[in-house]
Amino acid sequence: MAPMVAIAVIILAVVNFARQRPALKQETGSLVDARNGFSTRLFAQQTDLNPVEVPPPGVFAIVQYTTAAGALPAYLTPDPRDGKKHPAIVWITGGDCNSIGDVWSPAPASNDQSAAAYRKAGILMMFPSLRGGNRNTGTKEGFLGEVDDVIAATEFLAHLPYVDSAHIYLGGHSTGGTLAMLVAECSDRYRAIFAFGPVADVSSYGPASGFLPFNFSDPQETKLRSPGYWLNCIRSPLWAFEGTAQGNIASLRAMAESNSNPKVSFIEVSGATHFSTLAATNALIAQQIAQDTGAANSIHFTTESASQNYRQFQGGSQ
């Protein structure tokens, strides 16, 4: 992950490609079946030379999890050593979501991409780097093989003795939100998923974004990477959030209009932007995760509750 300011510039450029609302037709088959046997055609890419930054001691440790692309590093909350099993969230950053970097430095409420609300609430966190990111093995596939990496990271997390494997959540922002939705369409192992500012069709990012290293002449290349066509495959509760003031709100509304899956909810945060919705809404999600201790999932959001929370948070952060 690049520095936060650089990410903001990248995502703001990307968001401009997603203003036109696409027409969506839901696929009747499963995304898993459609991906099976598909052979992607990737463009040649430059190797990412940015190493994984070393986090502050006690905040995160660097661990290695195994994927088909090889061993990949991740940031992980250290064992609290209290003898308890704790809820955890896998978080996928925006921008170049294949790479990880500084997710521990304080950030303003107007653009807090660190998702720090979770660790502040005592929820374990894992930030996996993905194939081709940092100095990793493998090649960036732009929302295809990366789905498998996130699932592999989650299985690594689930087998740790201090993690409550029945209470693992998934979240992501912007490109990370898009990837989180694709993962949800391929796996039901998450307690709940929270996708901030995803796009319905990745072609809306545009070739200049650098996030799509594949052959656009094959429409299947794009469709298998675009969560808006596979909403019927989601089997765990998923909430997709976006601010109404600026961002990928057209994509959110297009998916909401085409969706018939009761597991999926689309939440417009009134007055928020693609970035300012993060701090307020993550704090609300973290609070609900901390209280989600029963056998049945108790997490619940509405457009009204999320928008009210945002207004209250803005008032308190002045």
C-alpha atoms as a PDB file:
ATOM      1  CA  MET A   1       0.000   0.000   0.000  1.00  0.00           C
ATOM      2  CA  ALA A   2       1.337   3.431  -0.947  1.00  0.00           C
ATOM      3  CA  PRO A   3       1.375   6.319   1.572  1.00  0.00           C
ATOM      4  CA  MET A   4      -2.129   7.512   2.468  1.00  0.00           C
ATOM      5  CA  VAL A   5      -1.900  10.775   0.509  1.00  0.00           C
ATOM      6  CA  ALA A   6      -0.788   8.925  -2.615  1.00  0.00           C
ATOM      7  CA  ILE A   7      -3.656   6.471  -2.213  1.00  0.00           C
ATOM      8  CA  ALA A   8      -6.110   9.357  -1.980  1.00  0.00           C
ATOM      9  CA  VAL A   9      -4.818  10.797  -5.259  1.00  0.00           C
ATOM     10  CA  ILE A  10      -4.975   7.385  -6.967  1.00  0.00           C
ATOM     11  CA  ILE A  11      -8.496   6.623  -5.800  1.00  0.00           C
ATOM     12  CA  LEU A  12      -9.817  10.086  -6.620  1.00  0.00           C
ATOM     13  CA  ALA A  13      -8.584   9.575 -10.180  1.00  0.00           C
ATOM     14  CA  VAL A  14     -10.159   6.132 -10.291  1.00  0.00           C
ATOM     15  CA  VAL A  15     -13.490   7.312  -8.882  1.00  0.00           C
ATOM     16  CA  ASN A  16     -13.935   9.617 -11.874  1.00  0.00           C
ATOM     17  CA  PHE A  17     -14.223   6.550 -14.131  1.00  0.00           C
ATOM     18  CA  ALA A  18     -17.108   5.186 -12.075  1.00  0.00           C
ATOM     19  CA  ARG A  19     -19.603   8.038 -12.343  1.00  0.00           C
ATOM     20  CA  GLN A  20     -21.650   6.564 -15.182  1.00  0.00           C
ATOM     21  CA  ARG A  21     -24.153   4.021 -13.904  1.00  0.00           C
ATOM     22  CA  PRO A  22     -23.674   0.689 -15.707  1.00  0.00           C
ATOM     23  CA  ALA A  23     -26.560  -1.552 -16.726  1.00  0.00           C
ATOM     24  CA  LEU A  24     -26.293  -4.783 -14.765  1.00  0.00           C
ATOM     25  CA  LYS A  25     -27.726  -8.182 -15.569  1.00  0.00           C
ATOM     26  CA  GLN A  26     -27.289 -10.764 -12.839  1.00  0.00           C
ATOM     27  CA  GLU A  27     -25.624 -14.037 -13.822  1.00  0.00           C
ATOM     28  CA  THR A  28     -27.612 -17.156 -12.934  1.00  0.00           C
ATOM     29  CA  GLY A  29     -24.617 -19.438 -12.372  1.00  0.00           C
ATOM     30  CA  SER A  30     -21.976 -19.276  -9.668  1.00  0.00           C
ATOM     31  CA  LEU A  31     -18.822 -17.189  -9.855  1.00  0.00           C
ATOM     32  CA  VAL A  32     -16.814 -20.141  -8.516  1.00  0.00           C
ATOM     33  CA  ASP A  33     -17.969 -22.347 -11.395  1.00  0.00           C
ATOM     34  CA  ALA A  34     -17.366 -19.593 -13.932  1.00  0.00           C
ATOM     35  CA  ARG A  35     -13.807 -19.112 -12.655  1.00  0.00           C
ATOM     36  CA  ASN A  36     -12.994 -22.815 -12.746  1.00  0.00           C
ATOM     37  CA  GLY A  37     -10.911 -23.644 -15.785  1.00  0.00           C
ATOM     38  CA  PHE A  38     -10.717 -20.022 -16.933  1.00  0.00           C
ATOM     39  CA  SER A  39      -7.255 -19.007 -18.166  1.00  0.00           C
ATOM     40  CA  THR A  40      -6.572 -15.300 -17.909  1.00  0.00           C
ATOM     41  CA  ARG A  41      -4.350 -13.434 -20.358  1.00  0.00           C
ATOM     42  CA  LEU A  42      -2.206 -10.912 -18.506  1.00  0.00           C
ATOM     43  CA  PHE A  43      -0.053  -8.093 -19.792  1.00  0.00           C
ATOM     44  CA  ALA A  44       3.624  -7.947 -18.892  1.00  0.00           C
ATOM     45  CA  GLN A  45       4.127  -6.022 -15.654  1.00  0.00           C
ATOM     46  CA  GLN A  46       6.981  -4.314 -13.897  1.00  0.00           C
ATOM     47  CA  THR A  47       8.068  -5.937 -10.645  1.00  0.00           C
ATOM     48  CA  ASP A  48       6.966  -4.089  -7.513  1.00  0.00           C
ATOM     49  CA  LEU A  49      10.144  -3.165  -5.649  1.00  0.00           C
ATOM     50  CA  ASN A  50       8.556  -1.733  -2.492  1.00  0.00           C
ATOM     51  CA  PRO A  51       9.263  -3.934   0.535  1.00  0.00           C
ATOM     52  CA  VAL A  52       6.738  -4.531   3.295  1.00  0.00           C
ATOM     53  CA  GLU A  53       7.291  -1.809   5.896  1.00  0.00           C
ATOM     54  CA  VAL A  54       8.103  -2.942   9.409  1.00  0.00           C
ATOM     55  CA  PRO A  55       5.247  -2.083  11.804  1.00  0.00           C
ATOM     56  CA  PRO A  56       5.718  -0.771  15.344  1.00  0.00           C
ATOM     57  CA  PRO A  57       6.348  -3.538  17.894  1.00  0.00           C
ATOM     58  CA  GLY A  58       3.209  -4.670  19.661  1.00  0.00           C
ATOM     59  CA  VAL A  59       0.846  -3.149  17.083  1.00  0.00           C
ATOM     60  CA  PHE A  60       1.299  -5.605  14.217  1.00  0.00           C
ATOM     61  CA  ALA A  61       3.618  -8.504  13.469  1.00  0.00           C
ATOM     62  CA  ILE A  62       4.619  -9.631   9.979  1.00  0.00           C
ATOM     63  CA  VAL A  63       3.518 -13.209   9.266  1.00  0.00           C
ATOM     64  CA  GLN A  64       3.633 -15.411   6.172  1.00  0.00           C
ATOM     65  CA  TYR A  65       0.600 -17.223   4.806  1.00  0.00           C
ATOM     66  CA  THR A  66       0.674 -19.746   1.955  1.00  0.00           C
ATOM     67  CA  THR A  67      -1.152 -19.403  -1.361  1.00  0.00           C
ATOM     68  CA  ALA A  68      -0.935 -20.955  -4.813  1.00  0.00           C
ATOM     69  CA  ALA A  69       1.315 -18.011  -5.693  1.00  0.00           C
ATOM     70  CA  GLY A  70       3.704 -18.776  -2.829  1.00  0.00           C
ATOM     71  CA  ALA A  71       4.265 -17.487   0.700  1.00  0.00           C
ATOM     72  CA  LEU A  72       2.947 -13.941   1.113  1.00  0.00           C
ATOM     73  CA  PRO A  73       3.408 -11.512   4.025  1.00  0.00           C
ATOM     74  CA  ALA A  74       0.629  -9.956   6.074  1.00  0.00           C
ATOM     75  CA  TYR A  75       0.294  -7.645   9.049  1.00  0.00           C
ATOM     76  CA  LEU A  76      -1.375  -9.362  11.990  1.00  0.00           C
ATOM     77  CA  THR A  77      -2.377  -8.319  15.485  1.00  0.00           C
ATOM     78  CA  PRO A  78      -0.098 -10.174  17.929  1.00  0.00           C
ATOM     79  CA  ASP A  79      -1.483 -12.761  20.328  1.00  0.00           C
ATOM     80  CA  PRO A  80      -2.989 -10.878  23.312  1.00  0.00           C
ATOM     81  CA  ARG A  81      -1.899 -13.848  25.470  1.00  0.00           C
ATOM     82  CA  ASP A  82      -5.016 -13.689  27.611  1.00  0.00           C
ATOM     83  CA  GLY A  83      -6.098 -17.262  26.910  1.00  0.00           C
ATOM     84  CA  LYS A  84      -9.202 -16.102  25.015  1.00  0.00           C
ATOM     85  CA  LYS A  85     -10.355 -16.467  21.427  1.00  0.00           C
ATOM     86  CA  HIS A  86     -11.026 -13.113  19.794  1.00  0.00           C
ATOM     87  CA  PRO A  87     -13.038 -11.885  16.798  1.00  0.00           C
ATOM     88  CA  ALA A  88     -10.942 -10.812  13.843  1.00  0.00           C
ATOM     89  CA  ILE A  89     -11.297  -8.903  10.595  1.00  0.00           C
ATOM     90  CA  VAL A  90      -9.350  -9.290   7.366  1.00  0.00           C
ATOM     91  CA  TRP A  91      -8.983  -5.833   5.825  1.00  0.00           C
ATOM     92  CA  ILE A  92      -8.069  -5.054   2.204  1.00  0.00           C
ATOM     93  CA  THR A  93      -6.730  -1.577   1.559  1.00  0.00           C
ATOM     94  CA  GLY A  94      -7.591   0.663  -1.386  1.00  0.00           C
ATOM     95  CA  GLY A  95      -5.393   1.803  -4.256  1.00  0.00           C
ATOM     96  CA  ASP A  96      -2.821  -0.905  -4.957  1.00  0.00           C
ATOM     97  CA  CYS A  97      -4.555  -3.460  -2.756  1.00  0.00           C
ATOM     98  CA  ASN A  98      -1.911  -6.103  -3.590  1.00  0.00           C
ATOM     99  CA  SER A  99       0.607  -4.231  -1.429  1.00  0.00           C
ATOM    100  CA  ILE A 100       0.577  -3.297   2.245  1.00  0.00           C
ATOM    101  CA  GLY A 101       2.278  -0.434   4.040  1.00  0.00           C
ATOM    102  CA  ASP A 102       1.734   1.988   6.889  1.00  0.00           C
ATOM    103  CA  VAL A 103      -1.680   1.222   8.406  1.00  0.00           C
ATOM    104  CA  TRP A 104      -0.734   2.280  11.935  1.00  0.00           C
ATOM    105  CA  SER A 105      -0.007   6.022  11.729  1.00  0.00           C
ATOM    106  CA  PRO A 106      -2.811   8.337  12.876  1.00  0.00           C
ATOM    107  CA  ALA A 107      -5.008   9.635  10.055  1.00  0.00           C
ATOM    108  CA  PRO A 108      -7.622  12.409   9.939  1.00  0.00           C
ATOM    109  CA  ALA A 109     -11.295  11.489  10.232  1.00  0.00           C
ATOM    110  CA  SER A 110     -11.837  12.918   6.749  1.00  0.00           C
ATOM    111  CA  ASN A 111      -9.643  10.205   5.220  1.00  0.00           C
ATOM    112  CA  ASP A 112      -8.792   7.397   7.641  1.00  0.00           C
ATOM    113  CA  GLN A 113      -7.843   4.426   5.478  1.00  0.00           C
ATOM    114  CA  SER A 114      -6.113   2.653   8.378  1.00  0.00           C
ATOM    115  CA  ALA A 115      -9.331   1.005   9.668  1.00  0.00           C
ATOM    116  CA  ALA A 116      -7.854   1.634  13.120  1.00  0.00           C
ATOM    117  CA  ALA A 117     -11.319   1.601  14.717  1.00  0.00           C
ATOM    118  CA  TYR A 118     -11.193  -2.191  14.820  1.00  0.00           C
ATOM    119  CA  ARG A 119      -7.919  -2.603  16.698  1.00  0.00           C
ATOM    120  CA  LYS A 120      -8.934   0.221  19.037  1.00  0.00           C
ATOM    121  CA  ALA A 121     -12.066  -1.801  19.825  1.00  0.00           C
ATOM    122  CA  GLY A 122      -9.971  -4.888  20.622  1.00  0.00           C
ATOM    123  CA  ILE A 123     -10.729  -6.705  17.359  1.00  0.00           C
ATOM    124  CA  LEU A 124      -7.816  -8.595  15.825  1.00  0.00           C
ATOM    125  CA  MET A 125      -6.755  -7.381  12.389  1.00  0.00           C
ATOM    126  CA  MET A 126      -5.041  -8.972   9.412  1.00  0.00           C
ATOM    127  CA  PHE A 127      -3.863  -6.959   6.398  1.00  0.00           C
ATOM    128  CA  PRO A 128      -2.732  -9.482   3.764  1.00  0.00           C
ATOM    129  CA  SER A 129      -0.496  -8.485   0.899  1.00  0.00           C
ATOM    130  CA  LEU A 130      -1.411 -10.286  -2.303  1.00  0.00           C
ATOM    131  CA  ARG A 131       0.332 -11.858  -5.295  1.00  0.00           C
ATOM    132  CA  GLY A 132       2.641  -9.495  -7.126  1.00  0.00           C
ATOM    133  CA  GLY A 133       2.433  -6.794  -4.467  1.00  0.00           C
ATOM    134  CA  ASN A 134       5.409  -5.417  -2.529  1.00  0.00           C
ATOM    135  CA  ARG A 135       8.238  -7.826  -3.437  1.00  0.00           C
ATOM    136  CA  ASN A 136       5.940 -10.840  -3.457  1.00  0.00           C
ATOM    137  CA  THR A 137       6.023 -13.888  -5.667  1.00  0.00           C
ATOM    138  CA  GLY A 138       3.328 -14.256  -8.288  1.00  0.00           C
ATOM    139  CA  THR A 139       1.843 -11.737 -10.682  1.00  0.00           C
ATOM    140  CA  LYS A 140      -0.910  -9.203 -10.131  1.00  0.00           C
ATOM    141  CA  GLU A 141      -4.096 -10.432 -11.794  1.00  0.00           C
ATOM    142  CA  GLY A 142      -6.388  -7.502 -11.033  1.00  0.00           C
ATOM    143  CA  PHE A 143      -9.205  -9.014  -8.906  1.00  0.00           C
ATOM    144  CA  LEU A 144      -8.885 -12.637 -10.077  1.00  0.00           C
ATOM    145  CA  GLY A 145      -6.226 -14.757  -8.335  1.00  0.00           C
ATOM    146  CA  GLU A 146      -6.256 -12.210  -5.524  1.00  0.00           C
ATOM    147  CA  VAL A 147      -9.626 -13.653  -4.451  1.00  0.00           C
ATOM    148  CA  ASP A 148      -7.874 -16.936  -3.692  1.00  0.00           C
ATOM    149  CA  ASP A 149      -5.139 -15.120  -1.770  1.00  0.00           C
ATOM    150  CA  VAL A 150      -7.633 -13.425   0.550  1.00  0.00           C
ATOM    151  CA  ILE A 151      -9.392 -16.731   1.222  1.00  0.00           C
ATOM    152  CA  ALA A 152      -6.025 -18.393   1.947  1.00  0.00           C
ATOM    153  CA  ALA A 153      -5.116 -15.570   4.352  1.00  0.00           C
ATOM    154  CA  THR A 154      -8.433 -16.071   6.116  1.00  0.00           C
ATOM    155  CA  GLU A 155      -7.808 -19.787   6.572  1.00  0.00           C
ATOM    156  CA  PHE A 156      -4.391 -19.009   8.054  1.00  0.00           C
ATOM    157  CA  LEU A 157      -6.068 -16.599  10.463  1.00  0.00           C
ATOM    158  CA  ALA A 158      -8.798 -19.075  11.393  1.00  0.00           C
ATOM    159  CA  HIS A 159      -6.270 -21.667  12.552  1.00  0.00           C
ATOM    160  CA  LEU A 160      -4.527 -19.383  15.046  1.00  0.00           C
ATOM    161  CA  PRO A 161      -5.241 -20.457  18.642  1.00  0.00           C
ATOM    162  CA  TYR A 162      -6.231 -16.965  19.796  1.00  0.00           C
ATOM    163  CA  VAL A 163      -8.720 -16.338  16.952  1.00  0.00           C
ATOM    164  CA  ASP A 164     -12.423 -17.149  17.184  1.00  0.00           C
ATOM    165  CA  SER A 165     -12.797 -18.875  13.813  1.00  0.00           C
ATOM    166  CA  ALA A 166     -16.598 -18.468  13.901  1.00  0.00           C
ATOM    167  CA  HIS A 167     -16.253 -14.684  14.188  1.00  0.00           C
ATOM    168  CA  ILE A 168     -14.026 -13.700  11.269  1.00  0.00           C
ATOM    169  CA  TYR A 169     -15.159 -10.701   9.241  1.00  0.00           C
ATOM    170  CA  LEU A 170     -13.973  -9.223   5.957  1.00  0.00           C
ATOM    171  CA  GLY A 171     -13.725  -5.582   4.964  1.00  0.00           C
ATOM    172  CA  GLY A 172     -12.142  -3.374   2.353  1.00  0.00           C
ATOM    173  CA  HIS A 173     -12.153   0.090   0.828  1.00  0.00           C
ATOM    174  CA  SER A 174     -12.386   1.162  -2.822  1.00  0.00           C
ATOM    175  CA  THR A 175     -10.429  -1.435  -4.831  1.00  0.00           C
ATOM    176  CA  GLY A 176     -10.314  -3.374  -1.570  1.00  0.00           C
ATOM    177  CA  GLY A 177     -14.096  -3.089  -1.313  1.00  0.00           C
ATOM    178  CA  THR A 178     -14.482  -4.434  -4.835  1.00  0.00           C
ATOM    179  CA  LEU A 179     -12.195  -7.355  -3.992  1.00  0.00           C
ATOM    180  CA  ALA A 180     -14.055  -8.001  -0.719  1.00  0.00           C
ATOM    181  CA  MET A 181     -17.305  -8.379  -2.651  1.00  0.00           C
ATOM    182  CA  LEU A 182     -15.704 -10.838  -5.077  1.00  0.00           C
ATOM    183  CA  VAL A 183     -14.378 -12.878  -2.154  1.00  0.00           C
ATOM    184  CA  ALA A 184     -17.876 -12.911  -0.635  1.00  0.00           C
ATOM    185  CA  GLU A 185     -19.188 -14.242  -3.948  1.00  0.00           C
ATOM    186  CA  CYS A 186     -16.719 -17.144  -3.778  1.00  0.00           C
ATOM    187  CA  SER A 187     -16.728 -18.042  -0.062  1.00  0.00           C
ATOM    188  CA  ASP A 188     -19.280 -18.208   2.744  1.00  0.00           C
ATOM    189  CA  ARG A 189     -16.804 -18.560   5.590  1.00  0.00           C
ATOM    190  CA  TYR A 190     -17.131 -14.938   6.835  1.00  0.00           C
ATOM    191  CA  ARG A 191     -19.436 -13.876   9.647  1.00  0.00           C
ATOM    192  CA  ALA A 192     -20.132 -10.668   7.688  1.00  0.00           C
ATOM    193  CA  ILE A 193     -18.532  -8.551   4.960  1.00  0.00           C
ATOM    194  CA  PHE A 194     -18.200  -4.749   4.772  1.00  0.00           C
ATOM    195  CA  ALA A 195     -17.331  -3.269   1.364  1.00  0.00           C
ATOM    196  CA  PHE A 196     -16.670   0.472   1.156  1.00  0.00           C
ATOM    197  CA  GLY A 197     -16.919   2.220  -2.210  1.00  0.00           C
ATOM    198  CA  PRO A 198     -16.797  -0.836  -4.519  1.00  0.00           C
ATOM    199  CA  VAL A 199     -17.512  -0.693  -8.231  1.00  0.00           C
ATOM    200  CA  ALA A 200     -19.984  -2.951 -10.002  1.00  0.00           C
ATOM    201  CA  ASP A 201     -17.851  -3.444 -13.111  1.00  0.00           C
ATOM    202  CA  VAL A 202     -14.063  -3.088 -12.886  1.00  0.00           C
ATOM    203  CA  SER A 203     -13.878  -1.670 -16.410  1.00  0.00           C
ATOM    204  CA  SER A 204     -15.115   1.572 -14.840  1.00  0.00           C
ATOM    205  CA  TYR A 205     -11.654   1.968 -13.270  1.00  0.00           C
ATOM    206  CA  GLY A 206     -10.276   2.440 -16.765  1.00  0.00           C
ATOM    207  CA  PRO A 207      -6.986   1.224 -18.246  1.00  0.00           C
ATOM    208  CA  ALA A 208      -5.084   4.255 -16.955  1.00  0.00           C
ATOM    209  CA  SER A 209      -5.660   3.151 -13.363  1.00  0.00           C
ATOM    210  CA  GLY A 210      -3.059   0.393 -13.628  1.00  0.00           C
ATOM    211  CA  PHE A 211      -5.338  -2.005 -11.741  1.00  0.00           C
ATOM    212  CA  LEU A 212      -6.456  -4.050 -14.761  1.00  0.00           C
ATOM    213  CA  PRO A 213      -3.515  -5.970 -16.279  1.00  0.00           C
ATOM    214  CA  PHE A 214      -5.567  -8.138 -18.622  1.00  0.00           C
ATOM    215  CA  ASN A 215      -6.889  -8.308 -22.172  1.00  0.00           C
ATOM    216  CA  PHE A 216     -10.036  -6.190 -22.497  1.00  0.00           C
ATOM    217  CA  SER A 217     -10.961  -7.802 -25.829  1.00  0.00           C
ATOM    218  CA  ASP A 218     -12.356 -10.807 -23.921  1.00  0.00           C
ATOM    219  CA  PRO A 219     -15.499  -9.704 -22.020  1.00  0.00           C
ATOM    220  CA  GLN A 220     -15.212 -12.731 -19.728  1.00  0.00           C
ATOM    221  CA  GLU A 221     -11.954 -11.310 -18.362  1.00  0.00           C
ATOM    222  CA  THR A 222     -13.866  -8.297 -17.065  1.00  0.00           C
ATOM    223  CA  LYS A 223     -17.027 -10.100 -15.957  1.00  0.00           C
ATOM    224  CA  LEU A 224     -15.180 -12.569 -13.714  1.00  0.00           C
ATOM    225  CA  ARG A 225     -13.580  -9.606 -11.920  1.00  0.00           C
ATOM    226  CA  SER A 226     -16.760  -7.539 -11.561  1.00  0.00           C
ATOM    227  CA  PRO A 227     -18.882  -8.163  -8.430  1.00  0.00           C
ATOM    228  CA  GLY A 228     -21.993  -6.449  -9.776  1.00  0.00           C
ATOM    229  CA  TYR A 229     -22.928  -9.452 -11.947  1.00  0.00           C
ATOM    230  CA  TRP A 230     -22.667 -12.105  -9.219  1.00  0.00           C
ATOM    231  CA  LEU A 231     -24.643 -10.725  -6.277  1.00  0.00           C
ATOM    232  CA  ASN A 232     -26.799 -13.859  -6.188  1.00  0.00           C
ATOM    233  CA  CYS A 233     -23.709 -15.863  -5.134  1.00  0.00           C
ATOM    234  CA  ILE A 234     -23.280 -14.055  -1.803  1.00  0.00           C
ATOM    235  CA  ARG A 235     -24.264 -16.290   1.124  1.00  0.00           C
ATOM    236  CA  SER A 236     -22.972 -14.307   4.116  1.00  0.00           C
ATOM    237  CA  PRO A 237     -24.418 -10.953   5.222  1.00  0.00           C
ATOM    238  CA  LEU A 238     -22.768  -8.179   3.229  1.00  0.00           C
ATOM    239  CA  TRP A 239     -23.114  -4.429   3.534  1.00  0.00           C
ATOM    240  CA  ALA A 240     -21.740  -2.151   0.830  1.00  0.00           C
ATOM    241  CA  PHE A 241     -21.288   1.509   1.847  1.00  0.00           C
ATOM    242  CA  GLU A 242     -20.631   4.675  -0.109  1.00  0.00           C
ATOM    243  CA  GLY A 243     -20.918   8.371   0.579  1.00  0.00           C
ATOM    244  CA  THR A 244     -23.443  10.378  -1.413  1.00  0.00           C
ATOM    245  CA  ALA A 245     -21.265  13.468  -1.763  1.00  0.00           C
ATOM    246  CA  GLN A 246     -18.481  11.983  -3.894  1.00  0.00           C
ATOM    247  CA  GLY A 247     -17.380   8.512  -4.895  1.00  0.00           C
ATOM    248  CA  ASN A 248     -18.687   5.381  -6.597  1.00  0.00           C
ATOM    249  CA  ILE A 249     -22.291   6.076  -5.658  1.00  0.00           C
ATOM    250  CA  ALA A 250     -23.522   5.349  -9.211  1.00  0.00           C
ATOM    251  CA  SER A 251     -22.080   1.839  -8.974  1.00  0.00           C
ATOM    252  CA  LEU A 252     -23.643   1.318  -5.558  1.00  0.00           C
ATOM    253  CA  ARG A 253     -27.069   2.363  -6.838  1.00  0.00           C
ATOM    254  CA  ALA A 254     -26.764   0.206  -9.950  1.00  0.00           C
ATOM    255  CA  MET A 255     -26.024  -2.839  -7.830  1.00  0.00           C
ATOM    256  CA  ALA A 256     -28.844  -2.003  -5.431  1.00  0.00           C
ATOM    257  CA  GLU A 257     -31.309  -1.765  -8.322  1.00  0.00           C
ATOM    258  CA  SER A 258     -30.314  -5.118  -9.793  1.00  0.00           C
ATOM    259  CA  ASN A 259     -29.979  -6.982  -6.485  1.00  0.00           C
ATOM    260  CA  SER A 260     -32.534  -9.561  -5.339  1.00  0.00           C
ATOM    261  CA  ASN A 261     -30.335 -11.235  -2.718  1.00  0.00           C
ATOM    262  CA  PRO A 262     -31.616 -10.552   0.838  1.00  0.00           C
ATOM    263  CA  LYS A 263     -28.125 -11.196   2.209  1.00  0.00           C
ATOM    264  CA  VAL A 264     -26.838  -8.042   0.501  1.00  0.00           C
ATOM    265  CA  SER A 265     -27.554  -4.470   1.624  1.00  0.00           C
ATOM    266  CA  PHE A 266     -26.447  -1.233  -0.019  1.00  0.00           C
ATOM    267  CA  ILE A 267     -26.034   1.710   2.338  1.00  0.00           C
ATOM    268  CA  GLU A 268     -25.788   5.313   1.166  1.00  0.00           C
ATOM    269  CA  VAL A 269     -24.145   7.486   3.818  1.00  0.00           C
ATOM    270  CA  SER A 270     -25.720  10.895   3.357  1.00  0.00           C
ATOM    271  CA  GLY A 271     -23.241  13.772   3.038  1.00  0.00           C
ATOM    272  CA  ALA A 272     -20.162  11.560   3.243  1.00  0.00           C
ATOM    273  CA  THR A 273     -17.484  11.132   0.596  1.00  0.00           C
ATOM    274  CA  HIS A 274     -15.620   8.071  -0.655  1.00  0.00           C
ATOM    275  CA  PHE A 275     -13.105   8.750   2.136  1.00  0.00           C
ATOM    276  CA  SER A 276     -14.896  10.501   4.994  1.00  0.00           C
ATOM    277  CA  THR A 277     -17.383   7.651   5.401  1.00  0.00           C
ATOM    278  CA  LEU A 278     -14.584   5.353   6.589  1.00  0.00           C
ATOM    279  CA  ALA A 279     -13.775   6.594  10.097  1.00  0.00           C
ATOM    280  CA  ALA A 280     -17.373   7.036  11.203  1.00  0.00           C
ATOM    281  CA  THR A 281     -18.749   3.845   9.708  1.00  0.00           C
ATOM    282  CA  ASN A 282     -15.826   1.650  10.740  1.00  0.00           C
ATOM    283  CA  ALA A 283     -16.292   2.859  14.318  1.00  0.00           C
ATOM    284  CA  LEU A 284     -19.954   1.837  14.121  1.00  0.00           C
ATOM    285  CA  ILE A 285     -19.106  -1.557  12.612  1.00  0.00           C
ATOM    286  CA  ALA A 286     -16.424  -2.180  15.240  1.00  0.00           C
ATOM    287  CA  GLN A 287     -18.940  -1.456  17.986  1.00  0.00           C
ATOM    288  CA  GLN A 288     -21.392  -3.934  16.495  1.00  0.00           C
ATOM    289  CA  ILE A 289     -18.727  -6.622  16.003  1.00  0.00           C
ATOM    290  CA  ALA A 290     -17.754  -6.305  19.677  1.00  0.00           C
ATOM    291  CA  GLN A 291     -21.394  -6.955  20.596  1.00  0.00           C
ATOM    292  CA  ASP A 292     -21.911  -9.758  18.045  1.00  0.00           C
ATOM    293  CA  THR A 293     -21.228 -12.594  20.460  1.00  0.00           C
ATOM    294  CA  GLY A 294     -24.243 -14.871  20.011  1.00  0.00           C
ATOM    295  CA  ALA A 295     -24.810 -17.842  17.772  1.00  0.00           C
ATOM    296  CA  ALA A 296     -26.806 -15.740  15.308  1.00  0.00           C
ATOM    297  CA  ASN A 297     -25.364 -12.686  13.585  1.00  0.00           C
ATOM    298  CA  SER A 298     -26.693  -9.556  15.320  1.00  0.00           C
ATOM    299  CA  ILE A 299     -25.101  -6.935  13.042  1.00  0.00           C
ATOM    300  CA  HIS A 300     -27.543  -4.589  11.356  1.00  0.00           C
ATOM    301  CA  PHE A 301     -27.323  -1.297   9.466  1.00  0.00           C
ATOM    302  CA  THR A 302     -29.711   0.913   7.558  1.00  0.00           C
ATOM    303  CA  THR A 303     -29.116   3.968   5.425  1.00  0.00           C
ATOM    304  CA  GLU A 304     -30.745   6.040   8.171  1.00  0.00           C
ATOM    305  CA  SER A 305     -28.636   4.621  11.010  1.00  0.00           C
ATOM    306  CA  ALA A 306     -25.380   4.915   9.055  1.00  0.00           C
ATOM    307  CA  SER A 307     -26.149   8.492   7.973  1.00  0.00           C
ATOM    308  CA  GLN A 308     -27.140   9.521  11.499  1.00  0.00           C
ATOM    309  CA  ASN A 309     -23.959   7.948  12.863  1.00  0.00           C
ATOM    310  CA  TYR A 310     -21.923   9.885  10.292  1.00  0.00           C
ATOM    311  CA  ARG A 311     -23.524  13.192  11.284  1.00  0.00           C
ATOM    312  CA  GLN A 312     -22.935  12.521  14.976  1.00  0.00           C
ATOM    313  CA  PHE A 313     -19.350  11.464  14.307  1.00  0.00           C
ATOM    314  CA  GLN A 314     -18.687  14.608  12.285  1.00  0.00           C
ATOM    315  CA  GLY A 315     -20.057  16.734  15.089  1.00  0.00           C
ATOM    316  CA  GLY A 316     -17.892  14.983  17.641  1.00  0.00           C
ATOM    317  CA  SER A 317     -14.717  15.193  15.564  1.00  0.00           C
ATOM    318  CA  GLN A 318     -14.799  18.945  15.115  1.00  0.00           C
END
